[in-house]
Amino acid sequence: LQSELLRKGHVEDVFGVHYRVPAELSYKAVNAGVQGSSAMALKAAMKRVSDSIAGTGAGLVLTIHDELVIECPLGNERQVVRLAAGAMRDAENFSIPLEVDVSIARTSWAEKEKLKI
């Protein structure tokens, strides 16, 4: 990515978004491409997840770094987890499968339990 920056004056993420990085900071070109790809992947995942859980009574509450927090009615957890995890894995811009971890907490973050999906 550093050579791309020096040739073009910008780097691109896997989605084709351009990031301008000053030539004197070319060592940051790799990070710009990686972080930009990660941020765009999460935005795309949010849209896919939102669409996939529509009609379940669940909804996206917030994001924390690379995590999505979803609230759903009791009893719908397994269905929502299956739909959301499938939507998050369905990233057409990546040649390798994305790993998705899921946890459920009924009343507080302190009681999160990791699920196998």
Foldseek 3Di string as FASTA:
>chain_A
DLVCCVVPQWDAALVGDTDHDPNVVSVCRVVCRVLVNLVVLQVQLQVQLQVQCPPQQKDWDDDDRNDTDMDGDPPCVVVSVVRSQVSSQPDPSDPDTDDDWDWDDDPDPVPTDTDDD
